[in-house]
Amino acid sequence: RIQQSKKNKRKEFINSNFIQKINFDDKIIYFPLTYEPEKSILLGSPFFTNQIAVVSNIAKSLPVGYTLYVKEHPGMDEQGWRDVSYYEQILDLPNVKLIHPNVSNEELVKNCSLAMTIRGTVGLESAFFEKPAINFNANSGYSELPSVQTVTDFEKLPDAIKSSLARKINVYDVNKYLDYMNKISFDYDHTDFTSEFSKKFNFQVGYLSKVKIEPEEMVDFLNEYDSMFELISQEFLKKLSK
């Protein structure tokens, strides 16, 4: 009950203080908050796990006339949202607006001048809308795109933002990237596998609620998906041979 009460108060704060409509007169730099806890930043970007510090440094680096739109991740509903004090620290920053989690990510990317992310997919999505992007990790999987600039030092942010805003996006580069990804990819139903895994072992919201797994259960599950694992191993060996 205490947890639910906290969640309700936080949601009430979000509904009362977060922007729910894009102001199309704003010159927008867009930064979506990453879901937490999340291994992609804990392991993949360990020097940028303090997202308030990231937002604060971006805000300090904004060119004159730009507004930073910071959107809460809708998945944080599962975690009961972040503490109100967390949001208040962001709201206290100049030229920063907190965006309601219900606002369309696509609309924000389409209407921003620059997208920024620690290592999320918004950096890739922005390329499809011919928008430049900055991420804080070179191993995002799309950092090779000319539209994407990697920053690992906050001191370099002001110059990086200026140069990114001036960058022209070439659709040819995006198509070249997609062709390459299609060439090295193969088909398998990852969604079905993860869904069945979650149902089988009660994997919910980032943790195992069923701690004890009988060996027989796991063996049966692995046998059921044996052909899929065989496909993955074969494709992996093909990549190694090349």
Protein backbone atom coordinates (compact mmCIF):
# COMPACT_ATOMS: atom_id res chain seq x y z
CA ARG A 1 0.00 0.00 0.00
CA ILE A 2 2.86 2.37 0.82
CA GLN A 3 4.48 1.69 -2.56
CA GLN A 4 1.20 2.24 -4.39
CA SER A 5 0.65 5.49 -2.51
CA LYS A 6 4.12 6.71 -3.54
CA LYS A 7 3.44 5.73 -7.14
CA ASN A 8 0.12 7.60 -7.16
CA LYS A 9 1.71 10.77 -5.76
CA ARG A 10 4.50 10.63 -8.30
CA LYS A 11 2.05 10.11 -11.17
CA GLU A 12 -0.01 13.04 -9.91
CA PHE A 13 3.15 15.19 -9.94
CA ILE A 14 3.94 14.04 -13.49
CA ASN A 15 0.44 14.85 -14.72
CA SER A 16 0.54 18.29 -13.09
CA ASN A 17 4.07 19.39 -14.00
CA PHE A 18 5.11 17.65 -17.20
CA ILE A 19 4.45 19.14 -20.64
CA GLN A 20 1.82 17.17 -22.54
CA LYS A 21 1.85 19.11 -25.83
CA ILE A 22 4.83 20.04 -27.96
CA ASN A 23 5.36 23.77 -28.44
CA PHE A 24 6.20 23.94 -32.12
CA ASP A 25 7.67 27.43 -31.65
CA ASP A 26 10.44 25.96 -29.49
CA LYS A 27 13.81 25.11 -31.01
CA ILE A 28 14.05 21.66 -29.46
CA ILE A 29 16.98 19.53 -28.40
CA TYR A 30 15.52 16.21 -27.30
CA PHE A 31 16.85 13.88 -24.59
CA PRO A 32 14.75 10.90 -23.46
CA LEU A 33 15.51 9.55 -20.00
CA THR A 34 16.65 5.93 -19.93
CA TYR A 35 14.70 3.29 -18.04
CA GLU A 36 16.32 2.40 -14.72
CA PRO A 37 17.69 0.06 -13.55
CA GLU A 38 18.92 -0.86 -17.03
CA LYS A 39 21.96 -2.90 -17.98
CA SER A 40 22.51 -0.90 -21.18
CA ILE A 41 23.73 2.07 -19.16
CA LEU A 42 24.93 0.28 -16.01
CA LEU A 43 27.25 -1.93 -18.06
CA GLY A 44 27.39 -0.17 -21.42
CA SER A 45 27.76 3.44 -20.25
CA PRO A 46 28.97 3.28 -16.63
CA PHE A 47 30.28 6.87 -16.67
CA PHE A 48 26.87 8.30 -17.59
CA THR A 49 24.57 6.52 -15.15
CA ASN A 50 23.76 9.78 -13.34
CA GLN A 51 21.14 11.05 -15.75
CA ILE A 52 20.55 14.25 -13.79
CA ALA A 53 24.23 15.10 -14.30
CA VAL A 54 23.87 14.34 -18.02
CA VAL A 55 20.80 16.57 -18.33
CA SER A 56 22.48 19.33 -16.31
CA ASN A 57 25.55 19.30 -18.55
CA ILE A 58 23.44 19.36 -21.70
CA ALA A 59 21.44 22.30 -20.31
CA LYS A 60 24.66 24.22 -19.62
CA SER A 61 25.82 23.55 -23.18
CA LEU A 62 22.68 24.68 -25.01
CA PRO A 63 23.13 27.33 -27.69
CA VAL A 64 21.13 30.52 -27.17
CA GLY A 65 17.48 30.11 -28.15
CA TYR A 66 17.26 26.33 -27.71
CA THR A 67 15.14 24.42 -25.19
CA LEU A 68 15.99 20.97 -23.87
CA TYR A 69 13.02 18.59 -23.88
CA VAL A 70 13.57 15.75 -21.40
CA LYS A 71 11.00 12.97 -21.70
CA GLU A 72 10.33 10.45 -18.96
CA HIS A 73 10.46 6.81 -20.05
CA PRO A 74 6.93 5.33 -20.03
CA GLY A 75 8.36 2.04 -18.75
CA MET A 76 9.13 3.70 -15.41
CA ASP A 77 5.47 3.14 -14.59
CA GLU A 78 6.50 -0.44 -13.79
CA GLN A 79 8.98 0.87 -11.21
CA GLY A 80 6.54 3.30 -9.62
CA TRP A 81 8.17 6.28 -11.39
CA ARG A 82 11.15 8.21 -10.05
CA ASP A 83 11.08 10.18 -6.82
CA VAL A 84 9.51 13.64 -7.07
CA SER A 85 12.78 15.21 -5.92
CA TYR A 86 14.46 13.69 -8.99
CA TYR A 87 12.03 15.49 -11.28
CA GLU A 88 12.29 18.72 -9.29
CA GLN A 89 16.06 18.83 -9.84
CA ILE A 90 15.48 18.68 -13.60
CA LEU A 91 12.69 21.26 -13.49
CA ASP A 92 15.00 23.68 -11.67
CA LEU A 93 17.41 23.71 -14.62
CA PRO A 94 17.17 26.68 -17.01
CA ASN A 95 15.74 26.13 -20.51
CA VAL A 96 14.65 22.60 -19.65
CA LYS A 97 11.14 21.17 -19.96
CA LEU A 98 10.05 17.78 -18.63
CA ILE A 99 7.88 15.97 -21.16
CA HIS A 100 5.03 13.66 -20.18
CA PRO A 101 5.72 9.95 -20.90
CA ASN A 102 2.55 9.78 -23.02
CA VAL A 103 3.88 12.27 -25.57
CA SER A 104 4.80 10.56 -28.85
CA ASN A 105 8.51 9.84 -29.15
CA GLU A 106 8.17 9.96 -32.93
CA GLU A 107 6.66 13.46 -32.80
CA LEU A 108 9.48 14.65 -30.58
CA VAL A 109 12.14 13.26 -32.93
CA LYS A 110 10.38 14.70 -35.99
CA ASN A 111 10.18 18.16 -34.47
CA CYS A 112 13.55 18.42 -32.74
CA SER A 113 16.69 20.00 -34.14
CA LEU A 114 18.94 17.46 -32.43
CA ALA A 115 18.36 14.20 -30.53
CA MET A 116 20.63 13.16 -27.67
CA THR A 117 20.82 9.86 -25.82
CA ILE A 118 23.14 7.92 -23.55
CA ARG A 119 22.98 4.92 -25.88
CA GLY A 120 19.29 4.47 -26.70
CA THR A 121 17.64 3.84 -30.05
CA VAL A 122 16.51 7.46 -30.46
CA GLY A 123 19.95 8.17 -31.94
CA LEU A 124 19.15 5.72 -34.74
CA GLU A 125 15.51 6.77 -35.08
CA SER A 126 16.58 10.37 -35.61
CA ALA A 127 18.51 9.39 -38.73
CA PHE A 128 15.29 8.23 -40.40
CA PHE A 129 13.86 11.71 -39.91
CA GLU A 130 17.07 13.32 -41.16
CA LYS A 131 17.96 14.66 -37.73
CA PRO A 132 21.47 14.69 -36.23
CA ALA A 133 22.14 12.86 -32.98
CA ILE A 134 24.64 12.78 -30.14
CA ASN A 135 25.15 9.77 -27.92
CA PHE A 136 27.44 9.15 -24.98
CA ASN A 137 28.67 5.70 -25.96
CA ALA A 138 30.56 4.64 -29.09
CA ASN A 139 29.18 1.08 -28.91
CA SER A 140 25.53 1.90 -29.56
CA GLY A 141 25.42 -0.23 -32.71
CA TYR A 142 24.75 2.77 -34.96
CA SER A 143 27.59 5.14 -34.02
CA GLU A 144 29.11 4.62 -37.47
CA LEU A 145 26.36 6.73 -39.02
CA PRO A 146 27.69 10.14 -40.11
CA SER A 147 24.62 11.75 -38.53
CA VAL A 148 25.69 10.50 -35.10
CA GLN A 149 28.41 12.10 -32.99
CA THR A 150 29.77 10.37 -29.89
CA VAL A 151 30.71 12.45 -26.86
CA THR A 152 32.52 10.95 -23.88
CA ASP A 153 33.61 14.20 -22.24
CA PHE A 154 31.14 16.81 -20.99
CA GLU A 155 33.67 19.58 -21.71
CA LYS A 156 33.28 18.85 -25.41
CA LEU A 157 29.48 19.08 -25.36
CA PRO A 158 29.08 22.76 -26.41
CA ASP A 159 31.18 22.29 -29.55
CA ALA A 160 29.59 18.91 -30.28
CA ILE A 161 26.08 20.38 -30.10
CA LYS A 162 27.02 23.29 -32.37
CA SER A 163 28.63 21.06 -34.99
CA SER A 164 25.75 18.56 -34.86
CA LEU A 165 23.16 21.29 -35.36
CA ALA A 166 25.03 22.40 -38.49
CA ARG A 167 25.29 18.85 -39.87
CA LYS A 168 23.33 17.95 -43.00
CA ILE A 169 21.94 14.41 -43.05
CA ASN A 170 22.36 12.35 -46.19
CA VAL A 171 19.62 9.75 -46.72
CA TYR A 172 22.11 7.69 -48.73
CA ASP A 173 24.12 7.05 -45.54
CA VAL A 174 21.01 5.79 -43.74
CA ASN A 175 20.12 3.45 -46.61
CA LYS A 176 23.70 2.21 -46.74
CA TYR A 177 23.54 1.41 -43.02
CA LEU A 178 20.23 -0.45 -43.45
CA ASP A 179 21.61 -2.46 -46.38
CA TYR A 180 24.59 -3.46 -44.27
CA MET A 181 22.42 -4.46 -41.30
CA ASN A 182 20.20 -6.58 -43.57
CA LYS A 183 23.28 -8.25 -45.00
CA ILE A 184 24.64 -9.35 -41.62
CA SER A 185 21.29 -10.17 -40.00
CA PHE A 186 19.12 -13.28 -39.99
CA ASP A 187 15.51 -14.01 -39.05
CA TYR A 188 14.39 -15.59 -35.83
CA ASP A 189 11.43 -14.87 -33.56
CA HIS A 190 13.15 -13.20 -30.62
CA THR A 191 9.87 -11.71 -29.34
CA ASP A 192 8.21 -15.13 -29.14
CA PHE A 193 11.23 -16.61 -27.36
CA THR A 194 11.46 -13.88 -24.69
CA SER A 195 7.69 -13.95 -24.19
CA GLU A 196 7.66 -17.71 -23.64
CA PHE A 197 10.71 -17.47 -21.38
CA SER A 198 8.95 -14.84 -19.25
CA LYS A 199 5.81 -16.94 -18.95
CA LYS A 200 7.70 -20.14 -18.21
CA PHE A 201 9.91 -18.74 -15.45
CA ASN A 202 7.80 -15.81 -14.21
CA PHE A 203 10.29 -13.21 -15.39
CA GLN A 204 8.62 -9.89 -14.60
CA VAL A 205 9.85 -6.27 -14.78
CA GLY A 206 13.52 -7.09 -14.73
CA TYR A 207 13.61 -9.76 -12.04
CA LEU A 208 12.77 -13.41 -11.50
CA SER A 209 9.81 -13.79 -9.16
CA LYS A 210 10.22 -17.57 -9.33
CA VAL A 211 13.71 -17.94 -7.91
CA LYS A 212 13.98 -21.72 -7.96
CA ILE A 213 14.06 -23.32 -11.41
CA GLU A 214 14.05 -27.10 -11.54
CA PRO A 215 16.69 -28.59 -13.91
CA GLU A 216 14.00 -30.61 -15.67
CA GLU A 217 12.05 -27.42 -16.43
CA MET A 218 15.07 -25.78 -18.00
CA VAL A 219 15.99 -28.87 -20.01
CA ASP A 220 12.45 -29.12 -21.40
CA PHE A 221 12.47 -25.45 -22.32
CA LEU A 222 15.86 -25.64 -24.03
CA ASN A 223 14.81 -28.75 -25.95
CA GLU A 224 11.66 -26.97 -27.13
CA TYR A 225 13.78 -24.19 -28.65
CA ASP A 226 16.63 -26.42 -29.79
CA SER A 227 16.19 -25.57 -33.48
CA MET A 228 16.33 -21.85 -32.73
CA PHE A 229 19.53 -22.22 -30.71
CA GLU A 230 21.00 -24.31 -33.51
CA LEU A 231 20.19 -21.55 -36.01
CA ILE A 232 21.81 -18.90 -33.82
CA SER A 233 24.95 -20.97 -33.30
CA GLN A 234 25.29 -21.65 -37.02
CA GLU A 235 24.91 -17.97 -37.88
CA PHE A 236 27.41 -17.06 -35.17
CA LEU A 237 29.96 -19.49 -36.62
CA LYS A 238 29.39 -18.04 -40.09
CA LYS A 239 30.23 -14.57 -38.78
CA LEU A 240 33.38 -15.88 -37.11
CA SER A 241 34.51 -17.57 -40.32
CA LYS A 242 34.24 -14.22 -42.16
